[in-house]
Amino acid sequence: MASGPYCILLISGSLRRGSTNSALLDTVRAVAPDHLQVVVYHGLGELPHFNPDDDVEALHPAVAALRTQIATADAVVFSTPEYAGALPGTFKNLLDWTVGGGEIYQKPVAFLNASGSLTGAAKAHDSLRIVLGYVGSILVEGACAHIPVPRDAIGTDGLIGDPAVRNQIVDALAALAAHLNQSQTETSKHRRQ
């Protein structure tokens, strides 16, 4: 069975210093097995406001960089907070920029929900599901996980040391890798036929 290596792009929906979502993704990078090359996207705050009139050659450099990173990744993992009952505006702006390029179309995606709130940021993640459906991504349900992260769980290194959290991350990554393995195997079978 095929086993990678695979490139996984991690995108946080938060610009906040000390964000639990960003810490969760940084911890994903720290615990990822060797067959996964994990890259954290850092350009959220650099993206211009989405305007369809600007979605033309030559793209703003930050948009071009985002689309290139998505195109070269085998899968994308998001982690976003909920703000005022919905996706944060800056993160929705990033998602809007993915529509016209098509790089995320048929791309395996997952999300990790770090919310410790009573609602579990359900409205944000419901919205994310809708947007990912519109852009034609393949949501890998088995790799999506609610992993509540209290702020005091983040160490001075910006990572989460809790073994239970780390085990949940490893499980989500294993599910994503299994999906990628299955897709690669099916693609290889089709090529041989």
C-alpha atoms as a PDB file:
ATOM      1  CA  MET A   1       0.000   0.000   0.000  1.00  0.00           C
ATOM      2  CA  ALA A   2       1.241   3.510  -0.819  1.00  0.00           C
ATOM      3  CA  SER A   3       2.356   5.605   2.129  1.00  0.00           C
ATOM      4  CA  GLY A   4       3.393   9.057   0.986  1.00  0.00           C
ATOM      5  CA  PRO A   5       5.337  11.159   1.618  1.00  0.00           C
ATOM      6  CA  TYR A   6       2.536  13.708   1.683  1.00  0.00           C
ATOM      7  CA  CYS A   7       2.546  17.467   2.121  1.00  0.00           C
ATOM      8  CA  ILE A   8      -0.112  18.786   4.506  1.00  0.00           C
ATOM      9  CA  LEU A   9      -0.844  22.521   4.597  1.00  0.00           C
ATOM     10  CA  LEU A  10      -2.114  23.836   7.949  1.00  0.00           C
ATOM     11  CA  ILE A  11      -4.203  27.031   7.962  1.00  0.00           C
ATOM     12  CA  SER A  12      -5.305  28.804  11.134  1.00  0.00           C
ATOM     13  CA  GLY A  13      -8.329  31.067  10.964  1.00  0.00           C
ATOM     14  CA  SER A  14      -6.987  33.250  13.771  1.00  0.00           C
ATOM     15  CA  LEU A  15      -4.626  36.218  13.791  1.00  0.00           C
ATOM     16  CA  ARG A  16      -4.624  36.376  17.594  1.00  0.00           C
ATOM     17  CA  ARG A  17      -1.365  36.026  19.503  1.00  0.00           C
ATOM     18  CA  GLY A  18      -1.691  33.010  21.764  1.00  0.00           C
ATOM     19  CA  SER A  19      -4.480  31.564  19.610  1.00  0.00           C
ATOM     20  CA  THR A  20      -5.514  28.070  20.647  1.00  0.00           C
ATOM     21  CA  ASN A  21      -6.226  27.283  16.989  1.00  0.00           C
ATOM     22  CA  SER A  22      -2.725  28.288  15.910  1.00  0.00           C
ATOM     23  CA  ALA A  23      -1.182  26.429  18.869  1.00  0.00           C
ATOM     24  CA  LEU A  24      -3.138  23.336  17.892  1.00  0.00           C
ATOM     25  CA  LEU A  25      -1.765  23.494  14.346  1.00  0.00           C
ATOM     26  CA  ASP A  26       1.768  24.194  15.550  1.00  0.00           C
ATOM     27  CA  THR A  27       1.410  21.073  17.694  1.00  0.00           C
ATOM     28  CA  VAL A  28       0.214  19.139  14.629  1.00  0.00           C
ATOM     29  CA  ARG A  29       3.489  20.079  12.957  1.00  0.00           C
ATOM     30  CA  ALA A  30       5.454  19.018  16.039  1.00  0.00           C
ATOM     31  CA  VAL A  31       3.889  15.541  16.345  1.00  0.00           C
ATOM     32  CA  ALA A  32       3.470  14.717  12.648  1.00  0.00           C
ATOM     33  CA  PRO A  33       5.083  11.458  11.570  1.00  0.00           C
ATOM     34  CA  ASP A  34       8.003  11.505   9.160  1.00  0.00           C
ATOM     35  CA  HIS A  35       5.915  10.498   6.117  1.00  0.00           C
ATOM     36  CA  LEU A  36       4.007  13.798   6.427  1.00  0.00           C
ATOM     37  CA  GLN A  37       5.673  17.049   5.457  1.00  0.00           C
ATOM     38  CA  VAL A  38       3.646  19.604   7.409  1.00  0.00           C
ATOM     39  CA  VAL A  39       3.697  23.273   6.448  1.00  0.00           C
ATOM     40  CA  VAL A  40       2.004  26.051   8.443  1.00  0.00           C
ATOM     41  CA  TYR A  41       0.543  28.899   6.390  1.00  0.00           C
ATOM     42  CA  HIS A  42       1.443  32.312   7.815  1.00  0.00           C
ATOM     43  CA  GLY A  43      -0.037  34.754   5.283  1.00  0.00           C
ATOM     44  CA  LEU A  44      -3.583  35.275   6.602  1.00  0.00           C
ATOM     45  CA  GLY A  45      -2.969  38.886   7.647  1.00  0.00           C
ATOM     46  CA  GLU A  46      -1.284  39.746   4.329  1.00  0.00           C
ATOM     47  CA  LEU A  47      -4.228  38.927   2.068  1.00  0.00           C
ATOM     48  CA  PRO A  48      -6.044  41.880   0.503  1.00  0.00           C
ATOM     49  CA  HIS A  49      -9.810  42.194   0.852  1.00  0.00           C
ATOM     50  CA  PHE A  50     -11.427  39.865  -1.644  1.00  0.00           C
ATOM     51  CA  ASN A  51     -12.728  41.585  -4.754  1.00  0.00           C
ATOM     52  CA  PRO A  52     -13.673  39.509  -7.825  1.00  0.00           C
ATOM     53  CA  ASP A  53     -12.325  42.316 -10.008  1.00  0.00           C
ATOM     54  CA  ASP A  54      -8.862  41.643  -8.569  1.00  0.00           C
ATOM     55  CA  ASP A  55      -9.030  37.892  -9.183  1.00  0.00           C
ATOM     56  CA  VAL A  56      -7.131  38.204 -12.449  1.00  0.00           C
ATOM     57  CA  GLU A  57      -3.560  37.943 -13.721  1.00  0.00           C
ATOM     58  CA  ALA A  58      -1.355  39.220 -12.097  1.00  0.00           C
ATOM     59  CA  LEU A  59      -2.633  38.306  -8.683  1.00  0.00           C
ATOM     60  CA  HIS A  60      -1.633  40.123  -5.527  1.00  0.00           C
ATOM     61  CA  PRO A  61       1.557  38.334  -4.347  1.00  0.00           C
ATOM     62  CA  ALA A  62      -0.086  37.168  -1.100  1.00  0.00           C
ATOM     63  CA  VAL A  63      -2.970  35.586  -3.031  1.00  0.00           C
ATOM     64  CA  ALA A  64      -0.591  33.958  -5.508  1.00  0.00           C
ATOM     65  CA  ALA A  65       1.452  32.546  -2.609  1.00  0.00           C
ATOM     66  CA  LEU A  66      -1.681  31.152  -0.921  1.00  0.00           C
ATOM     67  CA  ARG A  67      -2.869  29.474  -4.093  1.00  0.00           C
ATOM     68  CA  THR A  68       0.582  28.016  -4.774  1.00  0.00           C
ATOM     69  CA  GLN A  69       0.760  26.539  -1.272  1.00  0.00           C
ATOM     70  CA  ILE A  70      -2.694  24.997  -1.643  1.00  0.00           C
ATOM     71  CA  ALA A  71      -1.876  23.644  -5.114  1.00  0.00           C
ATOM     72  CA  THR A  72       1.337  21.960  -3.963  1.00  0.00           C
ATOM     73  CA  ALA A  73      -0.211  20.424  -0.833  1.00  0.00           C
ATOM     74  CA  ASP A  74      -1.728  16.958  -0.890  1.00  0.00           C
ATOM     75  CA  ALA A  75      -4.261  18.002   1.761  1.00  0.00           C
ATOM     76  CA  VAL A  76      -5.228  21.039   3.833  1.00  0.00           C
ATOM     77  CA  VAL A  77      -6.127  21.114   7.525  1.00  0.00           C
ATOM     78  CA  PHE A  78      -7.943  24.135   8.939  1.00  0.00           C
ATOM     79  CA  SER A  79      -8.466  25.260  12.519  1.00  0.00           C
ATOM     80  CA  THR A  80     -10.613  28.301  13.073  1.00  0.00           C
ATOM     81  CA  PRO A  81     -12.328  30.047  15.945  1.00  0.00           C
ATOM     82  CA  GLU A  82     -15.886  31.298  15.859  1.00  0.00           C
ATOM     83  CA  TYR A  83     -16.345  35.055  16.044  1.00  0.00           C
ATOM     84  CA  ALA A  84     -19.757  36.669  16.559  1.00  0.00           C
ATOM     85  CA  GLY A  85     -21.463  33.397  15.650  1.00  0.00           C
ATOM     86  CA  ALA A  86     -19.655  32.836  12.345  1.00  0.00           C
ATOM     87  CA  LEU A  87     -16.283  32.442  10.671  1.00  0.00           C
ATOM     88  CA  PRO A  88     -13.853  35.281  11.407  1.00  0.00           C
ATOM     89  CA  GLY A  89     -13.839  37.797   8.547  1.00  0.00           C
ATOM     90  CA  THR A  90     -10.144  37.413   7.781  1.00  0.00           C
ATOM     91  CA  PHE A  91     -10.508  33.653   7.479  1.00  0.00           C
ATOM     92  CA  LYS A  92     -13.627  33.924   5.288  1.00  0.00           C
ATOM     93  CA  ASN A  93     -11.614  36.342   3.150  1.00  0.00           C
ATOM     94  CA  LEU A  94      -8.955  33.633   2.690  1.00  0.00           C
ATOM     95  CA  LEU A  95     -11.626  31.119   1.714  1.00  0.00           C
ATOM     96  CA  ASP A  96     -13.112  33.600  -0.772  1.00  0.00           C
ATOM     97  CA  TRP A  97      -9.715  33.842  -2.475  1.00  0.00           C
ATOM     98  CA  THR A  98      -9.716  30.043  -2.980  1.00  0.00           C
ATOM     99  CA  VAL A  99     -12.882  30.064  -5.095  1.00  0.00           C
ATOM    100  CA  GLY A 100     -11.575  31.503  -8.359  1.00  0.00           C
ATOM    101  CA  GLY A 101      -8.294  29.628  -8.513  1.00  0.00           C
ATOM    102  CA  GLY A 102      -9.641  26.103  -8.269  1.00  0.00           C
ATOM    103  CA  GLU A 103      -6.571  24.802  -6.413  1.00  0.00           C
ATOM    104  CA  ILE A 104      -8.693  23.506  -3.539  1.00  0.00           C
ATOM    105  CA  TYR A 105     -11.174  21.763  -5.876  1.00  0.00           C
ATOM    106  CA  GLN A 106     -11.129  17.992  -5.159  1.00  0.00           C
ATOM    107  CA  LYS A 107      -8.398  18.602  -2.557  1.00  0.00           C
ATOM    108  CA  PRO A 108      -8.750  16.509   0.619  1.00  0.00           C
ATOM    109  CA  VAL A 109      -9.399  18.796   3.588  1.00  0.00           C
ATOM    110  CA  ALA A 110     -10.113  18.420   7.286  1.00  0.00           C
ATOM    111  CA  PHE A 111     -10.589  20.698  10.258  1.00  0.00           C
ATOM    112  CA  LEU A 112      -9.607  20.585  13.897  1.00  0.00           C
ATOM    113  CA  ASN A 113     -11.891  22.436  16.273  1.00  0.00           C
ATOM    114  CA  ALA A 114     -10.010  23.817  19.287  1.00  0.00           C
ATOM    115  CA  SER A 115     -13.024  25.507  20.880  1.00  0.00           C
ATOM    116  CA  GLY A 116     -13.665  24.935  24.557  1.00  0.00           C
ATOM    117  CA  SER A 117     -16.870  26.997  24.529  1.00  0.00           C
ATOM    118  CA  LEU A 118     -20.280  25.532  25.368  1.00  0.00           C
ATOM    119  CA  THR A 119     -21.346  25.768  21.720  1.00  0.00           C
ATOM    120  CA  GLY A 120     -18.067  24.264  20.482  1.00  0.00           C
ATOM    121  CA  ALA A 121     -17.867  26.893  17.712  1.00  0.00           C
ATOM    122  CA  ALA A 122     -20.509  24.851  15.902  1.00  0.00           C
ATOM    123  CA  LYS A 123     -21.762  27.728  13.747  1.00  0.00           C
ATOM    124  CA  ALA A 124     -18.273  28.499  12.449  1.00  0.00           C
ATOM    125  CA  HIS A 125     -17.645  24.878  11.570  1.00  0.00           C
ATOM    126  CA  ASP A 126     -21.076  24.503   9.968  1.00  0.00           C
ATOM    127  CA  SER A 127     -20.209  27.537   7.824  1.00  0.00           C
ATOM    128  CA  LEU A 128     -16.810  26.066   7.003  1.00  0.00           C
ATOM    129  CA  ARG A 129     -18.487  22.863   5.809  1.00  0.00           C
ATOM    130  CA  ILE A 130     -20.749  24.905   3.534  1.00  0.00           C
ATOM    131  CA  VAL A 131     -17.871  26.893   2.042  1.00  0.00           C
ATOM    132  CA  LEU A 132     -15.748  23.776   1.520  1.00  0.00           C
ATOM    133  CA  GLY A 133     -18.704  22.205  -0.290  1.00  0.00           C
ATOM    134  CA  TYR A 134     -19.020  25.224  -2.587  1.00  0.00           C
ATOM    135  CA  VAL A 135     -15.335  25.105  -3.517  1.00  0.00           C
ATOM    136  CA  GLY A 136     -15.576  21.362  -4.216  1.00  0.00           C
ATOM    137  CA  SER A 137     -13.144  20.146  -1.571  1.00  0.00           C
ATOM    138  CA  ILE A 138     -13.229  16.567  -0.309  1.00  0.00           C
ATOM    139  CA  LEU A 139     -13.971  16.755   3.414  1.00  0.00           C
ATOM    140  CA  VAL A 140     -12.281  13.814   5.134  1.00  0.00           C
ATOM    141  CA  GLU A 141     -14.697  13.326   8.016  1.00  0.00           C
ATOM    142  CA  GLY A 142     -12.499  10.847   9.863  1.00  0.00           C
ATOM    143  CA  ALA A 143      -9.728  13.447  10.045  1.00  0.00           C
ATOM    144  CA  CYS A 144     -12.003  16.153  11.480  1.00  0.00           C
ATOM    145  CA  ALA A 145     -11.890  16.359  15.257  1.00  0.00           C
ATOM    146  CA  HIS A 146     -13.081  18.497  18.145  1.00  0.00           C
ATOM    147  CA  ILE A 147     -10.032  18.854  20.369  1.00  0.00           C
ATOM    148  CA  PRO A 148     -10.812  21.484  23.031  1.00  0.00           C
ATOM    149  CA  VAL A 149      -7.699  23.441  23.991  1.00  0.00           C
ATOM    150  CA  PRO A 150      -7.772  25.643  27.096  1.00  0.00           C
ATOM    151  CA  ARG A 151      -5.437  28.643  26.874  1.00  0.00           C
ATOM    152  CA  ASP A 152      -3.438  27.419  29.867  1.00  0.00           C
ATOM    153  CA  ALA A 153      -2.626  24.206  27.969  1.00  0.00           C
ATOM    154  CA  ILE A 154      -0.304  26.149  25.664  1.00  0.00           C
ATOM    155  CA  GLY A 155       3.302  26.027  26.845  1.00  0.00           C
ATOM    156  CA  THR A 156       5.886  28.788  26.617  1.00  0.00           C
ATOM    157  CA  ASP A 157       7.063  27.177  23.376  1.00  0.00           C
ATOM    158  CA  GLY A 158       3.598  27.770  21.850  1.00  0.00           C
ATOM    159  CA  LEU A 159       2.825  24.052  21.786  1.00  0.00           C
ATOM    160  CA  ILE A 160       0.338  21.851  23.606  1.00  0.00           C
ATOM    161  CA  GLY A 161       2.054  19.232  25.744  1.00  0.00           C
ATOM    162  CA  ASP A 162      -1.067  17.376  26.947  1.00  0.00           C
ATOM    163  CA  PRO A 163      -0.664  13.728  25.815  1.00  0.00           C
ATOM    164  CA  ALA A 164      -4.431  13.338  25.307  1.00  0.00           C
ATOM    165  CA  VAL A 165      -4.507  16.274  22.895  1.00  0.00           C
ATOM    166  CA  ARG A 166      -1.417  15.002  21.093  1.00  0.00           C
ATOM    167  CA  ASN A 167      -2.972  11.536  20.748  1.00  0.00           C
ATOM    168  CA  GLN A 168      -6.115  13.029  19.196  1.00  0.00           C
ATOM    169  CA  ILE A 169      -3.944  14.964  16.741  1.00  0.00           C
ATOM    170  CA  VAL A 170      -2.043  11.796  15.815  1.00  0.00           C
ATOM    171  CA  ASP A 171      -5.352   9.974  15.263  1.00  0.00           C
ATOM    172  CA  ALA A 172      -6.644  12.760  12.979  1.00  0.00           C
ATOM    173  CA  LEU A 173      -3.396  12.746  10.989  1.00  0.00           C
ATOM    174  CA  ALA A 174      -3.551   8.955  10.667  1.00  0.00           C
ATOM    175  CA  ALA A 175      -7.095   9.208   9.264  1.00  0.00           C
ATOM    176  CA  LEU A 176      -5.974  11.855   6.776  1.00  0.00           C
ATOM    177  CA  ALA A 177      -2.940   9.794   5.720  1.00  0.00           C
ATOM    178  CA  ALA A 178      -5.158   6.707   5.317  1.00  0.00           C
ATOM    179  CA  HIS A 179      -7.455   8.694   3.012  1.00  0.00           C
ATOM    180  CA  LEU A 180      -4.467   9.891   0.981  1.00  0.00           C
ATOM    181  CA  ASN A 181      -3.082   6.339   0.814  1.00  0.00           C
ATOM    182  CA  GLN A 182      -6.425   5.026  -0.429  1.00  0.00           C
ATOM    183  CA  SER A 183      -6.693   7.794  -3.041  1.00  0.00           C
ATOM    184  CA  GLN A 184      -3.136   7.155  -4.231  1.00  0.00           C
ATOM    185  CA  THR A 185      -3.791   3.416  -4.470  1.00  0.00           C
ATOM    186  CA  GLU A 186      -7.018   3.952  -6.446  1.00  0.00           C
ATOM    187  CA  THR A 187      -5.261   6.384  -8.790  1.00  0.00           C
ATOM    188  CA  SER A 188      -2.482   3.835  -9.385  1.00  0.00           C
ATOM    189  CA  LYS A 189      -5.052   1.109 -10.157  1.00  0.00           C
ATOM    190  CA  HIS A 190      -6.825   3.353 -12.697  1.00  0.00           C
ATOM    191  CA  ARG A 191      -3.535   4.159 -14.420  1.00  0.00           C
ATOM    192  CA  ARG A 192      -2.706   0.449 -14.775  1.00  0.00           C
ATOM    193  CA  GLN A 193      -6.105  -0.349 -16.340  1.00  0.00           C
END
